[in-house]
C-alpha cells in the first residue's frame, strides 16, 4: 500500500474547510512555535480556482497573537491534479501537483529558499513541510490539515471522489 494518496482533481479535493496545526522550529536557535486555526478554500469569483484563507493563533516565545494569510489556488491548464499557487496580490508562489499524492517544490525569496513537500494521506488528511534556508533563516514548518466536516460543502456526498478507494466504496 502506498504512503501517498493520489488526487485526480486538486481543487475538488481542497475545497471546503480544514483544521490546521503547524509546528515551527528555528533549527539554528532551537526556538519553537505553533499555529492552530482553520483554512477555508472557497471558489474564486473572477477565475477558475480557490481562494485559500487561513486564520488562527500563532504562538512564538510564549506570546500568542492572531495570524492569517490568503493565497490563490488557480486551475492549471495541464491537468486537474495540478494548481498554480499565488499570493493574494497575484505574485507566483509555487506549483502544486498532487496527482501522485506527493509533490516537492521550491520558492526562492530574496536570499532565502523555501522548499515545500506536500503529502496527501487520505481523503481527509494532508501535510506540508516547508524547509526555509538562507543567510538569516533556518526554519522547519510542518503543517497538518484535517478536513472539517462542519465547514463547507466539500465533504461527504457533495464532494467528488478523488481516489479509487472512494469511488469503489460501498461496492462489494
C-alpha atoms as a PDB file:
ATOM      1  CA  UNK A   1       0.000   0.000   0.000  1.00  0.00           C
ATOM      2  CA  UNK A   2       1.380   3.409  -0.963  1.00  0.00           C
ATOM      3  CA  UNK A   3       2.057   6.011   1.695  1.00  0.00           C
ATOM      4  CA  UNK A   4       0.729   8.645  -0.740  1.00  0.00           C
ATOM      5  CA  UNK A   5      -2.870   9.112  -1.813  1.00  0.00           C
ATOM      6  CA  UNK A   6      -3.176  10.334  -5.439  1.00  0.00           C
ATOM      7  CA  UNK A   7      -5.570  13.214  -6.133  1.00  0.00           C
ATOM      8  CA  UNK A   8      -7.237  13.460  -9.536  1.00  0.00           C
ATOM      9  CA  UNK A   9      -8.771  16.920  -9.013  1.00  0.00           C
ATOM     10  CA  UNK A  10      -6.766  19.134  -6.653  1.00  0.00           C
ATOM     11  CA  UNK A  11      -9.379  21.920  -6.458  1.00  0.00           C
ATOM     12  CA  UNK A  12     -12.207  19.490  -5.629  1.00  0.00           C
ATOM     13  CA  UNK A  13     -10.007  17.799  -3.020  1.00  0.00           C
ATOM     14  CA  UNK A  14      -9.051  21.052  -1.266  1.00  0.00           C
ATOM     15  CA  UNK A  15     -12.479  22.741  -1.416  1.00  0.00           C
ATOM     16  CA  UNK A  16     -14.124  23.346   1.948  1.00  0.00           C
ATOM     17  CA  UNK A  17     -12.802  23.754   5.451  1.00  0.00           C
ATOM     18  CA  UNK A  18      -9.774  22.264   7.183  1.00  0.00           C
ATOM     19  CA  UNK A  19      -8.439  22.344  10.749  1.00  0.00           C
ATOM     20  CA  UNK A  20      -4.777  23.374  10.780  1.00  0.00           C
ATOM     21  CA  UNK A  21      -1.977  22.544  13.228  1.00  0.00           C
ATOM     22  CA  UNK A  22       1.517  23.868  12.442  1.00  0.00           C
ATOM     23  CA  UNK A  23       4.789  23.473  14.283  1.00  0.00           C
ATOM     24  CA  UNK A  24       7.563  25.974  13.644  1.00  0.00           C
ATOM     25  CA  UNK A  25      11.169  25.251  14.569  1.00  0.00           C
ATOM     26  CA  UNK A  26      14.134  27.564  14.258  1.00  0.00           C
ATOM     27  CA  UNK A  27      16.824  24.970  13.629  1.00  0.00           C
ATOM     28  CA  UNK A  28      19.640  27.427  14.409  1.00  0.00           C
ATOM     29  CA  UNK A  29      18.420  28.653  17.805  1.00  0.00           C
ATOM     30  CA  UNK A  30      16.206  25.762  18.832  1.00  0.00           C
ATOM     31  CA  UNK A  31      13.224  28.093  19.360  1.00  0.00           C
ATOM     32  CA  UNK A  32       9.802  26.559  18.756  1.00  0.00           C
ATOM     33  CA  UNK A  33       6.408  27.947  17.905  1.00  0.00           C
ATOM     34  CA  UNK A  34       2.992  26.770  16.814  1.00  0.00           C
ATOM     35  CA  UNK A  35      -0.045  27.818  14.861  1.00  0.00           C
ATOM     36  CA  UNK A  36      -3.555  26.493  15.408  1.00  0.00           C
ATOM     37  CA  UNK A  37      -6.524  27.540  13.346  1.00  0.00           C
ATOM     38  CA  UNK A  38      -8.585  26.901  10.251  1.00  0.00           C
ATOM     39  CA  UNK A  39      -8.226  27.107   6.491  1.00  0.00           C
ATOM     40  CA  UNK A  40     -11.130  27.561   4.119  1.00  0.00           C
ATOM     41  CA  UNK A  41     -10.866  27.007   0.354  1.00  0.00           C
ATOM     42  CA  UNK A  42     -13.720  28.830  -1.416  1.00  0.00           C
ATOM     43  CA  UNK A  43     -14.396  29.343  -5.139  1.00  0.00           C
ATOM     44  CA  UNK A  44     -12.856  32.457  -6.690  1.00  0.00           C
ATOM     45  CA  UNK A  45     -15.314  34.908  -8.206  1.00  0.00           C
ATOM     46  CA  UNK A  46     -13.191  36.030 -11.151  1.00  0.00           C
ATOM     47  CA  UNK A  47     -11.382  32.885 -12.335  1.00  0.00           C
ATOM     48  CA  UNK A  48     -11.311  29.101 -12.038  1.00  0.00           C
ATOM     49  CA  UNK A  49      -9.684  28.330  -8.739  1.00  0.00           C
ATOM     50  CA  UNK A  50      -9.959  28.607  -4.986  1.00  0.00           C
ATOM     51  CA  UNK A  51      -9.315  31.388  -2.506  1.00  0.00           C
ATOM     52  CA  UNK A  52      -7.412  29.958   0.465  1.00  0.00           C
ATOM     53  CA  UNK A  53      -7.873  31.888   3.713  1.00  0.00           C
ATOM     54  CA  UNK A  54      -6.095  30.735   6.854  1.00  0.00           C
ATOM     55  CA  UNK A  55      -6.671  32.261  10.276  1.00  0.00           C
ATOM     56  CA  UNK A  56      -5.823  31.304  13.823  1.00  0.00           C
ATOM     57  CA  UNK A  57      -3.364  31.884  16.642  1.00  0.00           C
ATOM     58  CA  UNK A  58       0.417  31.869  16.284  1.00  0.00           C
ATOM     59  CA  UNK A  59       2.462  31.310  19.449  1.00  0.00           C
ATOM     60  CA  UNK A  60       6.152  32.241  19.411  1.00  0.00           C
ATOM     61  CA  UNK A  61       8.346  32.552  22.510  1.00  0.00           C
ATOM     62  CA  UNK A  62       5.239  32.199  24.712  1.00  0.00           C
ATOM     63  CA  UNK A  63       3.495  35.136  23.025  1.00  0.00           C
ATOM     64  CA  UNK A  64       0.193  34.371  21.290  1.00  0.00           C
ATOM     65  CA  UNK A  65      -1.100  36.615  18.542  1.00  0.00           C
ATOM     66  CA  UNK A  66      -3.676  36.350  15.755  1.00  0.00           C
ATOM     67  CA  UNK A  67      -2.325  35.356  12.352  1.00  0.00           C
ATOM     68  CA  UNK A  68      -3.797  34.953   8.900  1.00  0.00           C
ATOM     69  CA  UNK A  69      -2.847  34.602   5.268  1.00  0.00           C
ATOM     70  CA  UNK A  70      -4.589  34.398   1.921  1.00  0.00           C
ATOM     71  CA  UNK A  71      -3.473  32.518  -1.183  1.00  0.00           C
ATOM     72  CA  UNK A  72      -4.999  31.815  -4.585  1.00  0.00           C
ATOM     73  CA  UNK A  73      -5.010  28.266  -5.971  1.00  0.00           C
ATOM     74  CA  UNK A  74      -5.612  28.562  -9.718  1.00  0.00           C
ATOM     75  CA  UNK A  75      -6.565  25.729 -12.048  1.00  0.00           C
ATOM     76  CA  UNK A  76      -3.611  24.530 -14.104  1.00  0.00           C
ATOM     77  CA  UNK A  77      -4.099  24.120 -17.834  1.00  0.00           C
ATOM     78  CA  UNK A  78      -2.041  20.891 -17.816  1.00  0.00           C
ATOM     79  CA  UNK A  79      -4.391  18.893 -15.612  1.00  0.00           C
ATOM     80  CA  UNK A  80      -6.956  18.860 -12.823  1.00  0.00           C
ATOM     81  CA  UNK A  81      -4.488  17.308 -10.380  1.00  0.00           C
ATOM     82  CA  UNK A  82      -2.360  20.435 -10.597  1.00  0.00           C
ATOM     83  CA  UNK A  83      -2.671  24.052  -9.447  1.00  0.00           C
ATOM     84  CA  UNK A  84      -0.738  27.289  -9.709  1.00  0.00           C
ATOM     85  CA  UNK A  85      -0.463  28.789  -6.203  1.00  0.00           C
ATOM     86  CA  UNK A  86      -0.162  32.548  -5.923  1.00  0.00           C
ATOM     87  CA  UNK A  87      -0.031  35.099  -3.156  1.00  0.00           C
ATOM     88  CA  UNK A  88      -3.160  37.194  -2.575  1.00  0.00           C
ATOM     89  CA  UNK A  89      -1.717  40.001  -4.750  1.00  0.00           C
ATOM     90  CA  UNK A  90      -1.175  37.623  -7.690  1.00  0.00           C
ATOM     91  CA  UNK A  91       2.591  37.098  -7.387  1.00  0.00           C
ATOM     92  CA  UNK A  92       3.681  33.495  -8.095  1.00  0.00           C
ATOM     93  CA  UNK A  93       4.331  31.298  -5.056  1.00  0.00           C
ATOM     94  CA  UNK A  94       4.707  27.698  -6.241  1.00  0.00           C
ATOM     95  CA  UNK A  95       3.301  24.945  -8.412  1.00  0.00           C
ATOM     96  CA  UNK A  96       1.301  22.085  -6.918  1.00  0.00           C
ATOM     97  CA  UNK A  97       0.867  18.639  -8.453  1.00  0.00           C
ATOM     98  CA  UNK A  98      -0.938  16.100  -6.264  1.00  0.00           C
ATOM     99  CA  UNK A  99      -1.594  13.509  -8.977  1.00  0.00           C
ATOM    100  CA  UNK A 100       0.800  11.117  -7.204  1.00  0.00           C
ATOM    101  CA  UNK A 101      -0.204  12.275  -3.700  1.00  0.00           C
ATOM    102  CA  UNK A 102       3.275  13.743  -3.187  1.00  0.00           C
ATOM    103  CA  UNK A 103       4.934  16.891  -4.517  1.00  0.00           C
ATOM    104  CA  UNK A 104       8.152  18.820  -3.852  1.00  0.00           C
ATOM    105  CA  UNK A 105       8.524  22.426  -4.978  1.00  0.00           C
ATOM    106  CA  UNK A 106      10.764  25.453  -4.412  1.00  0.00           C
ATOM    107  CA  UNK A 107      10.086  29.130  -3.878  1.00  0.00           C
ATOM    108  CA  UNK A 108      13.094  31.474  -3.990  1.00  0.00           C
ATOM    109  CA  UNK A 109      12.516  34.592  -1.888  1.00  0.00           C
ATOM    110  CA  UNK A 110      15.334  37.161  -1.935  1.00  0.00           C
ATOM    111  CA  UNK A 111      18.342  35.340  -0.426  1.00  0.00           C
ATOM    112  CA  UNK A 112      16.188  32.561   1.062  1.00  0.00           C
ATOM    113  CA  UNK A 113      14.962  29.313  -0.448  1.00  0.00           C
ATOM    114  CA  UNK A 114      11.653  27.775   0.612  1.00  0.00           C
ATOM    115  CA  UNK A 115      11.433  24.054  -0.237  1.00  0.00           C
ATOM    116  CA  UNK A 116       7.957  22.615   0.212  1.00  0.00           C
ATOM    117  CA  UNK A 117       6.895  18.990   0.396  1.00  0.00           C
ATOM    118  CA  UNK A 118       3.193  18.164   0.070  1.00  0.00           C
ATOM    119  CA  UNK A 119       1.864  14.751   1.091  1.00  0.00           C
ATOM    120  CA  UNK A 120      -1.744  13.565   0.821  1.00  0.00           C
ATOM    121  CA  UNK A 121      -2.524  10.782   3.303  1.00  0.00           C
ATOM    122  CA  UNK A 122      -6.216  10.163   2.549  1.00  0.00           C
ATOM    123  CA  UNK A 123      -9.494  11.948   1.750  1.00  0.00           C
ATOM    124  CA  UNK A 124      -9.356  13.962   4.967  1.00  0.00           C
ATOM    125  CA  UNK A 125      -5.652  14.440   5.817  1.00  0.00           C
ATOM    126  CA  UNK A 126      -2.702  16.095   4.123  1.00  0.00           C
ATOM    127  CA  UNK A 127       0.566  17.676   5.234  1.00  0.00           C
ATOM    128  CA  UNK A 128       3.015  20.324   4.115  1.00  0.00           C
ATOM    129  CA  UNK A 129       6.605  20.608   5.273  1.00  0.00           C
ATOM    130  CA  UNK A 130       8.489  23.778   4.372  1.00  0.00           C
ATOM    131  CA  UNK A 131      12.230  23.997   4.950  1.00  0.00           C
ATOM    132  CA  UNK A 132      13.400  27.607   4.809  1.00  0.00           C
ATOM    133  CA  UNK A 133      17.099  28.310   4.447  1.00  0.00           C
ATOM    134  CA  UNK A 134      19.093  31.441   3.865  1.00  0.00           C
ATOM    135  CA  UNK A 135      21.656  33.736   5.402  1.00  0.00           C
ATOM    136  CA  UNK A 136      19.415  34.594   8.356  1.00  0.00           C
ATOM    137  CA  UNK A 137      16.889  31.728   8.312  1.00  0.00           C
ATOM    138  CA  UNK A 138      16.985  28.047   9.135  1.00  0.00           C
ATOM    139  CA  UNK A 139      13.364  27.054   9.744  1.00  0.00           C
ATOM    140  CA  UNK A 140      11.211  23.951   9.548  1.00  0.00           C
ATOM    141  CA  UNK A 141       7.431  24.441   9.301  1.00  0.00           C
ATOM    142  CA  UNK A 142       5.244  21.324   9.426  1.00  0.00           C
ATOM    143  CA  UNK A 143       1.507  21.738   8.887  1.00  0.00           C
ATOM    144  CA  UNK A 144      -1.136  19.051   9.263  1.00  0.00           C
ATOM    145  CA  UNK A 145      -4.557  19.585   7.679  1.00  0.00           C
ATOM    146  CA  UNK A 146      -7.636  17.645   8.786  1.00  0.00           C
ATOM    147  CA  UNK A 147     -10.913  18.073   6.911  1.00  0.00           C
ATOM    148  CA  UNK A 148     -13.504  19.971   8.936  1.00  0.00           C
ATOM    149  CA  UNK A 149     -16.795  18.319   8.009  1.00  0.00           C
ATOM    150  CA  UNK A 150     -18.719  21.238   9.538  1.00  0.00           C
ATOM    151  CA  UNK A 151     -17.125  23.896   7.290  1.00  0.00           C
ATOM    152  CA  UNK A 152     -18.203  23.845   3.703  1.00  0.00           C
ATOM    153  CA  UNK A 153     -19.810  21.552   1.172  1.00  0.00           C
ATOM    154  CA  UNK A 154     -16.650  19.762   0.067  1.00  0.00           C
ATOM    155  CA  UNK A 155     -17.229  16.785   2.331  1.00  0.00           C
ATOM    156  CA  UNK A 156     -19.414  13.709   2.166  1.00  0.00           C
ATOM    157  CA  UNK A 157     -21.964  13.408  -0.641  1.00  0.00           C
ATOM    158  CA  UNK A 158     -21.252  16.781  -2.262  1.00  0.00           C
ATOM    159  CA  UNK A 159     -17.529  16.128  -2.783  1.00  0.00           C
ATOM    160  CA  UNK A 160     -16.481  14.165  -5.844  1.00  0.00           C
ATOM    161  CA  UNK A 161     -14.406  11.033  -5.120  1.00  0.00           C
ATOM    162  CA  UNK A 162     -10.709  11.719  -5.731  1.00  0.00           C
ATOM    163  CA  UNK A 163      -9.302   8.223  -5.326  1.00  0.00           C
ATOM    164  CA  UNK A 164     -10.273   4.730  -6.434  1.00  0.00           C
ATOM    165  CA  UNK A 165     -10.919   3.662  -2.839  1.00  0.00           C
ATOM    166  CA  UNK A 166     -13.594   6.350  -2.566  1.00  0.00           C
ATOM    167  CA  UNK A 167     -15.154   5.645  -5.956  1.00  0.00           C
ATOM    168  CA  UNK A 168     -15.430   1.947  -5.172  1.00  0.00           C
ATOM    169  CA  UNK A 169     -16.543   2.231  -1.557  1.00  0.00           C
ATOM    170  CA  UNK A 170     -19.847   0.504  -0.993  1.00  0.00           C
ATOM    171  CA  UNK A 171     -19.314  -1.824  -3.944  1.00  0.00           C
ATOM    172  CA  UNK A 172     -18.844  -5.307  -2.525  1.00  0.00           C
END
